[in-house]
Each structure stands twice: as structure tokens, then as C-alpha cells.
Amino acid sequence: MQRNFTLNYKETHGITRKIKLWQRGFWDHVIRDERDFANHFHYIHYNPVKHGCVLKPEDYPHTSFHEYVKRE
């Protein structure tokens, strides 16, 4: 999956040299059920807080968090 994405990205952007898009230790994960989805959903939105970028998820401007708040 990563390889196909990288190849498609390079082709779309006209890149012919070797590039690294994935950080070491990254792996694909298939969402198994609603609980698994919720866990990953919250992990993604809490990540900027965990890494000290903001105090609350809603303070981080580069997130889908705001869109989900609007929808619910």
C-alpha cells in the first residue's frame, strides 16, 4: 500500500528521483470495527496535544477536528 501510494505520488507530481514519504516504524492498519475507528480518531486529534503543540485539540489549526465538531 505504501509503495503504490509513493509511486502514484511521484507520478502525479513528476518526481523521478528517490524520495522518502514514510517515517520509519509506520505501518498500515485496517480499521476493524467502530471501537477501533473511535480509538484511532481520538488518537489523531489528540496527537498535537500529546506532542506539546497545543493544550487542547481544538487549538490546533491543521486538523479535521473542527469539521467533525461542526458536523455533530
N, C-alpha and C. Protein backbone atom coordinates (compact mmCIF):
# COMPACT_ATOMS: atom_id res chain seq x y z
N MET A 1 0.82 -1.18 0.00
CA MET A 1 0.00 0.00 0.00
C MET A 1 0.87 1.26 0.00
N GLN A 2 1.89 1.30 0.85
CA GLN A 2 2.78 2.46 0.89
C GLN A 2 3.51 2.63 -0.43
N ARG A 3 3.97 1.51 -0.97
CA ARG A 3 4.72 1.56 -2.23
C ARG A 3 3.85 2.12 -3.35
N ASN A 4 2.62 1.63 -3.46
CA ASN A 4 1.72 2.12 -4.50
C ASN A 4 1.43 3.61 -4.33
N PHE A 5 1.19 4.04 -3.09
CA PHE A 5 0.93 5.46 -2.85
C PHE A 5 2.13 6.29 -3.27
N THR A 6 3.33 5.85 -2.89
CA THR A 6 4.55 6.60 -3.22
C THR A 6 4.73 6.69 -4.73
N LEU A 7 4.55 5.58 -5.42
CA LEU A 7 4.69 5.58 -6.88
C LEU A 7 3.66 6.52 -7.53
N ASN A 8 2.42 6.46 -7.07
CA ASN A 8 1.38 7.34 -7.62
C ASN A 8 1.68 8.81 -7.32
N TYR A 9 2.16 9.10 -6.12
CA TYR A 9 2.51 10.46 -5.73
C TYR A 9 3.62 10.99 -6.63
N LYS A 10 4.66 10.18 -6.82
CA LYS A 10 5.78 10.61 -7.67
C LYS A 10 5.32 10.87 -9.10
N GLU A 11 4.47 9.99 -9.61
CA GLU A 11 3.98 10.16 -10.98
C GLU A 11 3.12 11.43 -11.09
N THR A 12 2.23 11.63 -10.16
CA THR A 12 1.34 12.80 -10.17
C THR A 12 2.12 14.10 -10.12
N HIS A 13 3.23 14.11 -9.36
CA HIS A 13 3.99 15.34 -9.17
C HIS A 13 5.26 15.41 -10.05
N GLY A 14 5.40 14.46 -10.96
CA GLY A 14 6.53 14.47 -11.89
C GLY A 14 7.88 14.29 -11.21
N ILE A 15 7.92 13.51 -10.16
CA ILE A 15 9.17 13.28 -9.42
C ILE A 15 9.82 12.01 -9.93
N THR A 16 11.09 12.12 -10.33
CA THR A 16 11.80 10.94 -10.85
C THR A 16 12.88 10.44 -9.89
N ARG A 17 13.31 11.31 -8.97
CA ARG A 17 14.36 10.90 -8.03
C ARG A 17 13.76 10.09 -6.88
N LYS A 18 14.61 9.44 -6.13
CA LYS A 18 14.18 8.68 -4.96
C LYS A 18 13.74 9.65 -3.87
N ILE A 19 12.59 9.37 -3.25
CA ILE A 19 12.10 10.20 -2.16
C ILE A 19 11.65 9.31 -1.00
N LYS A 20 11.59 9.90 0.17
CA LYS A 20 11.12 9.18 1.35
C LYS A 20 9.89 9.90 1.90
N LEU A 21 8.73 9.25 1.79
CA LEU A 21 7.49 9.83 2.27
C LEU A 21 7.06 9.29 3.64
N TRP A 22 7.57 8.15 4.02
CA TRP A 22 7.11 7.46 5.22
C TRP A 22 8.18 7.47 6.29
N GLN A 23 7.77 7.78 7.51
CA GLN A 23 8.72 7.72 8.62
C GLN A 23 8.95 6.26 9.00
N ARG A 24 10.11 5.99 9.55
CA ARG A 24 10.44 4.64 9.97
C ARG A 24 9.47 4.22 11.08
N GLY A 25 9.05 2.99 11.04
CA GLY A 25 8.14 2.48 12.06
C GLY A 25 6.67 2.65 11.71
N PHE A 26 6.38 3.29 10.57
CA PHE A 26 5.00 3.45 10.16
C PHE A 26 4.50 2.14 9.58
N TRP A 27 3.26 1.78 9.88
CA TRP A 27 2.66 0.59 9.28
C TRP A 27 1.20 0.87 8.98
N ASP A 28 0.69 0.13 8.01
CA ASP A 28 -0.72 0.25 7.66
C ASP A 28 -1.57 -0.42 8.72
N HIS A 29 -2.78 0.06 8.88
CA HIS A 29 -3.70 -0.55 9.83
C HIS A 29 -5.10 -0.54 9.23
N VAL A 30 -5.74 -1.69 9.21
CA VAL A 30 -7.10 -1.79 8.74
C VAL A 30 -8.03 -1.61 9.95
N ILE A 31 -8.96 -0.68 9.84
CA ILE A 31 -9.92 -0.45 10.92
C ILE A 31 -10.84 -1.65 11.03
N ARG A 32 -10.91 -2.24 12.23
CA ARG A 32 -11.65 -3.50 12.41
C ARG A 32 -13.12 -3.30 12.77
N ASP A 33 -13.42 -2.25 13.53
CA ASP A 33 -14.80 -2.06 13.97
C ASP A 33 -14.98 -0.63 14.46
N GLU A 34 -16.17 -0.30 14.95
CA GLU A 34 -16.46 1.06 15.40
C GLU A 34 -15.55 1.50 16.54
N ARG A 35 -15.27 0.61 17.45
CA ARG A 35 -14.40 0.95 18.59
C ARG A 35 -12.99 1.26 18.12
N ASP A 36 -12.48 0.46 17.20
CA ASP A 36 -11.15 0.68 16.64
C ASP A 36 -11.10 2.02 15.91
N PHE A 37 -12.16 2.32 15.16
CA PHE A 37 -12.24 3.61 14.47
C PHE A 37 -12.19 4.76 15.48
N ALA A 38 -13.00 4.66 16.53
CA ALA A 38 -13.05 5.72 17.54
C ALA A 38 -11.68 5.91 18.20
N ASN A 39 -11.01 4.81 18.51
CA ASN A 39 -9.68 4.91 19.13
C ASN A 39 -8.70 5.65 18.24
N HIS A 40 -8.68 5.33 16.95
CA HIS A 40 -7.76 5.99 16.02
C HIS A 40 -8.17 7.45 15.77
N PHE A 41 -9.45 7.68 15.70
CA PHE A 41 -9.99 9.01 15.51
C PHE A 41 -9.51 9.93 16.64
N HIS A 42 -9.66 9.47 17.87
CA HIS A 42 -9.25 10.27 19.03
C HIS A 42 -7.73 10.40 19.11
N TYR A 43 -7.02 9.35 18.74
CA TYR A 43 -5.55 9.40 18.74
C TYR A 43 -5.05 10.50 17.80
N ILE A 44 -5.61 10.55 16.61
CA ILE A 44 -5.19 11.54 15.61
C ILE A 44 -5.44 12.96 16.11
N HIS A 45 -6.61 13.18 16.69
CA HIS A 45 -6.94 14.53 17.14
C HIS A 45 -6.21 14.92 18.42
N TYR A 46 -5.81 13.97 19.22
CA TYR A 46 -5.11 14.28 20.47
C TYR A 46 -3.60 14.40 20.26
N ASN A 47 -3.09 13.93 19.14
CA ASN A 47 -1.65 13.91 18.88
C ASN A 47 -0.96 15.27 19.05
N PRO A 48 -1.51 16.38 18.55
CA PRO A 48 -0.86 17.69 18.76
C PRO A 48 -0.76 18.07 20.24
N VAL A 49 -1.72 17.63 21.04
CA VAL A 49 -1.67 17.88 22.48
C VAL A 49 -0.56 17.03 23.11
N LYS A 50 -0.54 15.78 22.74
CA LYS A 50 0.46 14.84 23.26
C LYS A 50 1.88 15.33 23.01
N HIS A 51 2.10 15.95 21.86
CA HIS A 51 3.45 16.39 21.49
C HIS A 51 3.72 17.85 21.85
N GLY A 52 2.82 18.44 22.64
CA GLY A 52 3.07 19.77 23.18
C GLY A 52 2.86 20.93 22.23
N CYS A 53 2.17 20.71 21.12
CA CYS A 53 1.93 21.80 20.16
C CYS A 53 0.83 22.74 20.65
N VAL A 54 -0.15 22.18 21.32
CA VAL A 54 -1.30 22.94 21.84
C VAL A 54 -1.74 22.32 23.16
N LEU A 55 -2.63 23.02 23.86
CA LEU A 55 -3.15 22.49 25.11
C LEU A 55 -4.43 21.67 24.92
N LYS A 56 -5.18 22.00 23.85
CA LYS A 56 -6.44 21.31 23.55
C LYS A 56 -6.48 21.00 22.06
N PRO A 57 -7.09 19.87 21.66
CA PRO A 57 -7.16 19.53 20.23
C PRO A 57 -7.76 20.64 19.37
N GLU A 58 -8.74 21.36 19.91
CA GLU A 58 -9.39 22.41 19.12
C GLU A 58 -8.51 23.62 18.87
N ASP A 59 -7.39 23.71 19.58
CA ASP A 59 -6.45 24.82 19.37
C ASP A 59 -5.51 24.59 18.19
N TYR A 60 -5.46 23.36 17.69
CA TYR A 60 -4.56 23.04 16.57
C TYR A 60 -5.27 23.35 15.26
N PRO A 61 -4.72 24.25 14.44
CA PRO A 61 -5.44 24.68 13.22
C PRO A 61 -5.42 23.67 12.07
N HIS A 62 -4.45 22.77 12.04
CA HIS A 62 -4.28 21.85 10.89
C HIS A 62 -4.86 20.48 11.23
N THR A 63 -6.16 20.42 11.41
CA THR A 63 -6.80 19.19 11.84
C THR A 63 -8.21 19.09 11.30
N SER A 64 -8.72 17.88 11.23
CA SER A 64 -10.11 17.67 10.84
C SER A 64 -11.04 17.81 12.04
N PHE A 65 -10.48 18.03 13.20
CA PHE A 65 -11.26 18.14 14.43
C PHE A 65 -12.39 19.17 14.29
N HIS A 66 -12.06 20.33 13.74
CA HIS A 66 -13.05 21.41 13.60
C HIS A 66 -14.23 21.00 12.71
N GLU A 67 -13.95 20.26 11.67
CA GLU A 67 -15.01 19.81 10.76
C GLU A 67 -15.93 18.82 11.48
N TYR A 68 -15.37 17.94 12.26
CA TYR A 68 -16.21 16.97 12.99
C TYR A 68 -17.05 17.64 14.06
N VAL A 69 -16.53 18.69 14.68
CA VAL A 69 -17.32 19.44 15.67
C VAL A 69 -18.50 20.10 14.96
N LYS A 70 -18.27 20.67 13.78
CA LYS A 70 -19.35 21.31 13.01
C LYS A 70 -20.44 20.31 12.63
N ARG A 71 -20.03 19.09 12.28
CA ARG A 71 -20.98 18.08 11.79
C ARG A 71 -21.83 17.47 12.91
N GLU A 72 -21.34 17.51 14.13
CA GLU A 72 -22.06 16.82 15.21
C GLU A 72 -22.83 17.72 16.09
